[in-house]
Protein backbone atom coordinates (compact mmCIF):
# COMPACT_ATOMS: atom_id res chain seq x y z
CA MET A 1 0.00 0.00 -0.04
CA THR A 2 1.47 3.35 -0.92
CA GLN A 3 -1.49 5.33 -0.02
CA PRO A 4 -0.96 7.93 3.10
CA LYS A 5 -2.48 6.81 6.29
CA LYS A 6 -5.53 9.21 6.79
CA ILE A 7 -7.90 9.39 9.65
CA GLY A 8 -11.51 11.24 9.65
CA PHE A 9 -14.49 11.27 11.55
CA LEU A 10 -17.96 9.75 10.94
CA SER A 11 -20.99 11.25 12.26
CA PHE A 12 -24.48 9.80 12.52
CA GLY A 13 -25.65 13.25 13.42
CA ALA A 14 -28.06 11.92 15.79
CA TRP A 15 -30.38 14.44 17.71
CA HIS A 16 -32.28 13.92 20.94
CA PRO A 17 -34.86 16.61 21.94
CA ASP A 18 -34.77 15.85 25.75
CA SER A 19 -31.26 15.49 26.29
CA GLY A 20 -27.57 16.12 24.96
CA LEU A 21 -26.34 19.08 23.05
CA THR A 22 -27.85 18.34 19.84
CA ARG A 23 -31.65 18.68 20.29
CA THR A 24 -32.94 19.38 16.81
CA GLY A 25 -32.19 18.36 13.10
CA GLY A 26 -30.91 21.91 12.66
CA ASP A 27 -28.53 21.64 15.45
CA ALA A 28 -27.06 18.40 14.00
CA LEU A 29 -26.59 19.86 10.48
CA ARG A 30 -25.12 22.94 11.82
CA GLN A 31 -22.76 21.21 14.27
CA THR A 32 -21.59 18.78 11.68
CA VAL A 33 -20.27 21.58 9.62
CA GLU A 34 -18.76 23.17 12.68
CA LEU A 35 -17.05 20.16 13.52
CA ALA A 36 -15.66 19.69 10.13
CA VAL A 37 -14.35 23.20 10.16
CA ALA A 38 -12.58 22.21 13.49
CA ALA A 39 -11.40 19.00 12.22
CA GLU A 40 -9.65 20.36 9.45
CA GLU A 41 -7.89 22.96 11.72
CA ILE A 42 -6.46 20.04 13.66
CA GLY A 43 -5.07 18.33 10.96
CA ILE A 44 -7.80 15.61 10.45
CA ASP A 45 -7.93 14.45 6.80
CA ALA A 46 -11.76 13.47 6.36
CA ALA A 47 -15.34 14.41 7.46
CA PHE A 48 -17.71 11.79 6.84
CA VAL A 49 -21.32 11.48 7.52
CA ARG A 50 -23.72 8.37 7.85
CA VAL A 51 -27.21 8.44 5.93
CA HIS A 52 -30.33 6.96 7.66
CA HIS A 53 -33.98 7.49 6.52
CA PHE A 54 -36.94 7.76 8.81
CA ALA A 55 -34.70 8.62 11.90
CA PRO A 56 -33.55 11.41 13.97
CA GLN A 57 -30.23 11.26 12.32
CA LEU A 58 -28.64 12.73 8.97
CA SER A 59 -30.42 11.82 5.95
CA SER A 60 -30.11 14.06 3.05
CA PRO A 61 -26.22 14.45 2.51
CA PHE A 62 -25.71 16.64 -0.51
CA PRO A 63 -26.76 19.88 0.98
CA LEU A 64 -24.64 19.22 4.17
CA LEU A 65 -21.65 18.03 2.11
CA ALA A 66 -21.83 21.08 -0.02
CA ALA A 67 -22.18 23.30 3.17
CA ILE A 68 -18.88 21.70 4.50
CA GLY A 69 -17.16 22.06 1.17
CA VAL A 70 -17.45 25.80 1.05
CA LYS A 71 -16.53 26.08 4.68
CA THR A 72 -13.31 24.06 4.50
CA ASN A 73 -10.45 23.95 2.00
CA ARG A 74 -8.49 20.63 2.30
CA ILE A 75 -10.30 18.06 4.31
CA GLU A 76 -12.10 15.25 2.17
CA ILE A 77 -15.98 15.10 2.67
CA GLY A 78 -18.03 11.96 2.17
CA THR A 79 -20.71 9.53 3.23
CA GLY A 80 -20.59 6.22 4.96
CA VAL A 81 -22.96 5.07 3.54
CA ILE A 82 -25.85 6.24 1.11
CA ASP A 83 -28.41 3.64 0.66
CA MET A 84 -29.00 3.27 -2.99
CA ARG A 85 -32.38 1.78 -2.87
CA TYR A 86 -33.62 5.11 -1.70
CA GLU A 87 -31.83 7.18 -4.84
CA ASN A 88 -32.82 8.42 -8.24
CA PRO A 89 -29.40 7.71 -9.64
CA LEU A 90 -29.46 10.62 -12.28
CA TYR A 91 -30.60 13.22 -9.68
CA MET A 92 -28.03 11.84 -7.49
CA ALA A 93 -25.36 12.35 -10.13
CA GLU A 94 -26.54 15.89 -10.50
CA THR A 95 -26.33 16.77 -7.00
CA ALA A 96 -23.13 14.80 -6.17
CA ALA A 97 -21.37 16.65 -9.13
CA ALA A 98 -22.57 20.03 -7.72
CA ALA A 99 -21.47 19.28 -4.28
CA ASP A 100 -17.99 17.94 -5.54
CA LEU A 101 -17.53 21.01 -7.60
CA LEU A 102 -18.26 23.46 -4.56
CA ALA A 103 -15.88 21.46 -2.69
CA GLY A 104 -13.05 21.60 -5.37
CA GLY A 105 -13.07 17.96 -6.09
CA ARG A 106 -12.98 16.58 -2.30
CA LEU A 107 -15.89 14.37 -2.52
CA GLN A 108 -15.66 10.62 -1.56
CA LEU A 109 -18.81 8.85 -1.69
CA GLY A 110 -19.65 5.73 0.02
CA VAL A 111 -22.94 3.87 -1.34
CA SER A 112 -24.17 0.38 -0.77
CA ARG A 113 -27.37 -1.30 -0.32
CA GLY A 114 -27.38 0.14 3.18
CA SER A 115 -28.23 -1.09 6.71
CA PRO A 116 -31.73 -1.99 8.06
CA GLU A 117 -33.86 1.07 8.35
CA PRO A 118 -36.51 1.54 10.96
CA ALA A 119 -39.23 2.07 8.08
CA TRP A 120 -41.08 -0.97 6.62
CA HIS A 121 -39.96 -1.06 2.93
CA GLY A 122 -38.72 2.65 3.42
CA ALA A 123 -37.50 2.71 -0.13
CA GLU A 124 -40.94 1.83 -1.61
CA ALA A 125 -42.30 5.04 0.26
CA PHE A 126 -39.80 6.87 -1.78
CA GLY A 127 -41.03 5.15 -4.82
CA TYR A 128 -38.56 2.61 -5.37
CA SER A 129 -37.88 -1.26 -5.14
CA VAL A 130 -36.48 -2.50 -1.89
CA ASP A 131 -34.62 -5.21 -3.79
CA GLY A 132 -31.00 -5.24 -2.84
CA ASP A 133 -29.97 -6.20 -6.44
CA ASP A 134 -31.75 -2.94 -7.51
CA ALA A 135 -28.91 -1.21 -5.39
CA ARG A 136 -26.32 -2.49 -7.59
CA GLU A 137 -27.94 -1.68 -10.83
CA LYS A 138 -28.73 1.99 -9.59
CA THR A 139 -25.03 2.48 -8.72
CA ALA A 140 -23.91 1.08 -12.24
CA LEU A 141 -26.48 3.85 -13.77
CA PHE A 142 -25.16 6.52 -11.29
CA ARG A 143 -21.20 5.77 -12.05
CA ALA A 144 -22.07 5.85 -15.67
CA ALA A 145 -23.83 9.23 -15.31
CA ILE A 146 -21.04 10.79 -13.14
CA ALA A 147 -18.47 9.46 -15.85
CA GLY A 148 -20.09 11.59 -18.66
CA ALA A 149 -22.28 8.81 -20.24
CA GLY A 150 -25.00 9.71 -22.48
CA VAL A 151 -28.07 8.44 -20.69
CA VAL A 152 -31.18 9.86 -22.62
CA PRO A 153 -31.83 11.03 -26.06
CA ALA A 154 -32.18 14.31 -27.15
CA ASP A 155 -35.47 15.74 -28.26
CA ALA A 156 -35.49 15.89 -32.01
CA GLY A 157 -38.83 17.70 -32.79
CA GLY A 158 -41.16 15.65 -30.66
CA ARG A 159 -39.12 12.32 -31.06
CA PRO A 160 -36.07 10.78 -29.71
CA GLY A 161 -32.91 11.88 -31.50
CA SER A 162 -29.72 10.18 -32.03
CA THR A 163 -27.70 12.26 -29.69
CA MET A 164 -27.47 11.14 -26.19
CA LEU A 165 -27.36 13.55 -23.49
CA ALA A 166 -25.27 13.45 -20.28
CA VAL A 167 -26.48 15.16 -16.84
CA GLN A 168 -24.93 18.23 -16.05
CA PRO A 169 -22.91 19.46 -14.26
CA GLN A 170 -20.02 17.14 -14.69
CA SER A 171 -17.29 16.90 -12.12
CA PRO A 172 -14.05 15.40 -13.47
CA GLY A 173 -12.62 12.82 -11.26
CA LEU A 174 -15.62 12.01 -9.18
CA ALA A 175 -16.09 8.59 -10.86
CA ARG A 176 -12.75 7.21 -9.23
CA ARG A 177 -13.93 8.62 -5.70
CA ILE A 178 -16.71 6.21 -5.30
CA TRP A 179 -16.86 3.57 -2.47
CA TRP A 180 -18.67 0.35 -1.86
CA GLY A 181 -20.03 -0.31 1.75
CA SER A 182 -19.06 -3.93 2.14
CA GLY A 183 -20.63 -6.05 4.89
CA SER A 184 -19.21 -9.28 3.99
CA ARG A 185 -16.22 -10.95 1.99
CA GLU A 186 -18.31 -11.87 -0.85
CA THR A 187 -19.34 -8.20 -1.32
CA ALA A 188 -15.73 -7.01 -0.90
CA VAL A 189 -14.87 -9.20 -4.01
CA TRP A 190 -17.77 -7.67 -5.73
CA ALA A 191 -16.43 -4.29 -5.11
CA GLY A 192 -12.92 -5.30 -6.14
CA GLU A 193 -14.48 -6.88 -9.58
CA GLN A 194 -16.17 -3.55 -10.26
CA GLY A 195 -13.35 -1.07 -9.57
CA LEU A 196 -15.10 0.53 -6.64
CA ASN A 197 -13.12 1.69 -3.67
CA LEU A 198 -13.75 -0.54 -0.28
CA MET A 199 -15.57 0.80 2.76
CA SER A 200 -15.86 -1.51 5.75
CA SER A 201 -17.74 -0.46 9.04
CA THR A 202 -17.65 -1.91 12.52
CA LEU A 203 -20.10 -4.72 11.50
CA LEU A 204 -19.44 -7.57 9.13
CA LEU A 205 -22.73 -9.65 8.20
CA GLU A 206 -20.93 -12.77 8.83
CA ASP A 207 -19.00 -14.82 11.57
CA THR A 208 -15.96 -17.19 11.30
CA GLN A 209 -15.23 -17.41 15.09
CA VAL A 210 -12.13 -15.27 14.72
CA PRO A 211 -11.32 -11.56 16.11
CA PHE A 212 -13.23 -8.94 14.14
CA ASP A 213 -10.02 -7.27 12.85
CA GLN A 214 -8.73 -10.48 11.52
CA LEU A 215 -11.85 -11.27 9.53
CA GLN A 216 -12.11 -7.58 8.27
CA ASN A 217 -8.73 -8.01 7.12
CA GLU A 218 -9.27 -11.05 5.37
CA GLN A 219 -12.12 -9.21 3.59
CA ILE A 220 -9.64 -6.55 2.68
CA ALA A 221 -6.91 -9.22 1.31
CA LEU A 222 -9.97 -10.85 -0.90
CA PHE A 223 -10.73 -7.30 -2.09
CA ARG A 224 -7.01 -6.43 -3.13
CA GLU A 225 -6.67 -9.86 -4.69
CA THR A 226 -9.73 -9.48 -6.82
CA TRP A 227 -8.78 -5.95 -7.82
CA ALA A 228 -5.28 -6.99 -8.97
CA LYS A 229 -7.10 -9.96 -11.03
CA ALA A 230 -9.47 -7.56 -12.44
CA GLY A 231 -6.63 -5.48 -13.96
CA HIS A 232 -7.68 -2.00 -12.46
CA THR A 233 -4.72 0.17 -13.23
CA ARG A 234 -5.03 2.71 -10.30
CA GLU A 235 -4.38 1.86 -6.47
CA PRO A 236 -7.76 1.46 -4.75
CA ARG A 237 -8.66 3.29 -1.33
CA ILE A 238 -9.77 1.27 1.53
CA SER A 239 -11.40 2.46 4.83
CA VAL A 240 -12.35 1.11 7.90
CA SER A 241 -14.37 2.37 11.05
CA ARG A 242 -13.43 2.38 14.58
CA SER A 243 -15.07 3.57 17.73
CA VAL A 244 -12.30 5.29 19.59
CA ILE A 245 -12.85 6.97 22.96
CA PRO A 246 -9.82 8.21 24.73
CA ILE A 247 -10.37 8.53 28.46
CA THR A 248 -8.81 11.75 29.77
CA SER A 249 -11.29 13.27 32.10
CA ASP A 250 -13.86 12.16 34.75
CA LEU A 251 -16.67 13.10 32.29
CA ASP A 252 -15.13 10.65 29.73
CA ARG A 253 -14.95 7.78 32.36
CA ARG A 254 -18.47 8.42 33.48
CA LEU A 255 -19.84 8.24 30.12
CA PHE A 256 -17.79 5.56 28.45
CA GLY A 257 -15.85 3.69 31.01
CA ALA A 258 -18.30 0.83 31.34
CA ASP A 259 -17.74 -0.46 27.94
CA ALA A 260 -16.30 -3.96 27.59
CA ASN A 261 -14.01 -3.43 24.77
CA GLU A 262 -15.10 -6.49 23.15
CA ASP A 263 -16.34 -7.93 20.02
CA GLN A 264 -19.94 -9.02 20.01
CA VAL A 265 -21.78 -11.48 17.81
CA GLY A 266 -25.47 -11.26 17.37
CA ARG A 267 -28.27 -11.46 14.74
CA LEU A 268 -28.85 -8.75 11.99
CA ASP A 269 -30.79 -8.68 8.87
CA GLY A 270 -31.11 -12.46 9.24
CA SER A 271 -27.68 -13.32 9.47
CA ILE A 272 -25.13 -14.00 12.26
CA SER A 273 -23.08 -11.00 12.42
CA ARG A 274 -19.86 -9.77 14.19
CA PHE A 275 -19.56 -6.19 15.52
CA GLY A 276 -16.28 -4.83 16.16
CA ARG A 277 -15.18 -3.75 19.61
CA SER A 278 -14.67 0.09 20.82
CA TYR A 279 -11.41 1.32 21.80
CA ILE A 280 -11.74 3.19 24.99
CA GLY A 281 -9.18 3.88 27.59
CA GLU A 282 -6.25 5.62 28.28
CA PRO A 283 -4.84 7.25 24.97
CA ASP A 284 -1.43 5.31 25.20
CA ARG A 285 -3.15 2.03 25.74
CA ILE A 286 -5.42 2.66 22.84
CA ALA A 287 -2.68 3.56 20.67
CA GLU A 288 -1.03 0.15 21.46
CA GLU A 289 -4.20 -1.75 20.79
CA LEU A 290 -4.74 -0.10 17.62
CA ALA A 291 -1.35 -0.78 16.15
CA ASN A 292 -2.00 -4.24 16.60
CA ASP A 293 -5.48 -4.02 14.60
CA ALA A 294 -4.97 -5.93 11.67
CA ALA A 295 -7.61 -4.13 9.59
CA VAL A 296 -6.40 -0.67 10.78
CA GLN A 297 -3.07 -1.45 9.43
CA SER A 298 -4.26 -2.83 6.03
CA ALA A 299 -6.55 0.42 5.42
CA ASP A 300 -5.31 3.88 4.12
CA THR A 301 -8.36 5.52 5.81
CA ILE A 302 -9.72 5.16 9.48
CA LEU A 303 -12.97 6.72 10.14
CA LEU A 304 -13.63 7.48 13.70
CA THR A 305 -17.14 7.49 15.01
CA VAL A 306 -18.04 10.44 16.95
CA PRO A 307 -20.71 10.59 19.74
CA SER A 308 -22.47 13.58 18.04
CA GLN A 309 -25.07 14.45 20.71
CA LEU A 310 -22.40 15.54 23.01
CA GLY A 311 -21.61 18.64 20.79
CA VAL A 312 -18.68 20.17 18.90
CA ASP A 313 -16.48 21.20 21.60
CA TYR A 314 -16.28 17.68 23.09
CA ASN A 315 -15.80 15.99 19.79
CA THR A 316 -13.11 18.46 18.83
CA ALA A 317 -11.37 17.87 22.04
CA MET A 318 -11.79 14.26 21.53
CA LEU A 319 -10.10 14.33 17.86
CA GLU A 320 -7.36 16.30 18.86
CA THR A 321 -6.56 14.14 21.61
CA ILE A 322 -6.55 11.16 18.99
CA ALA A 323 -4.58 13.22 16.60
CA ARG A 324 -1.81 13.88 19.11
CA ASP A 325 -1.66 10.87 21.27
CA VAL A 326 -3.17 7.99 19.45
CA ALA A 327 -3.00 8.15 15.52
CA PRO A 328 0.89 8.42 15.16
CA ALA A 329 1.17 4.95 16.59
CA ILE A 330 -1.13 3.79 13.35
CA GLY A 331 1.58 5.67 11.04
CA TRP A 332 -0.61 8.73 10.66
CA VAL A 333 1.09 12.21 10.05
CA PRO A 334 -0.94 15.27 9.89
CA ARG A 335 -1.27 17.06 6.84
CA LYS A 336 -0.31 20.43 8.93
CA THR A 337 0.88 20.99 12.28
CA PRO A 338 -2.00 20.93 14.78
CA ALA A 339 -3.09 24.28 16.04
CA PRO A 340 -4.36 24.75 19.62
CA ILE A 341 -8.12 24.54 20.04
CA GLY A 342 -9.62 27.18 22.27
């Protein structure tokens, strides 16, 4: 791997009307922009948002990503992930290109079938099928559209003409910055065949009774092997997500100190699934443990989930601690000298 190690945050943008510092949807959106600005000042490489529908969490990513794009200069902005079952691929191609142009070509889009949603057949309420295979078909059309392919015939005096029209605007390079959110070794192989970057979270929809990081590392190895066999010429990007909470205060200990820091196995979406452990504790101990995480070492990008309901100041301080005391142990070097916060 020749890609430099990058770290970013991943926010669900959850809000709670009766508790926390994020009480409304407006709070969640504004605070996500503010955290991205602060993260860039620290030297963090990426600001990613989770996309959920029919829940008090971030749902429509492109206005938010555009806002972050015009407020920042360097940080990558992206999604982890957009559920393609809910999307119109041609309209999504237009809005994604617009957000990417406003950000100066920094958009990194994670797409997939998505995770289970609280709504029963929610995609049907949006007017689309809930079939998971449709997500792949929509992704293919979306990728063709952002690559500039003609997708609809021009009108030739009330009849279809021979010229095929592309969606506008177009943003050069965006087609290389699409990631597939993979929940298994099988889907990682598919992503490698398709030439999509790989995005793997803290959940895998399978369990082989080995530690999560080893199972995820096997997923990454299969992806790389498939990518090479498919003959893709560029080097792929690979991201993994981790929950990392350094304990540096009594508040941290009170909020997070009871976590068992162990993998969990359970049933999700009809499958036995393995959920990755959290990394919670003193910064030096977390640094050592992350340095021994096989998948963290294999990936070029580590996305750190943030407790968004605790507000911008708390998460900024947490990211600053990670950047200073934890991330160097996994080979990360800040893009700039971190500036003091406050």
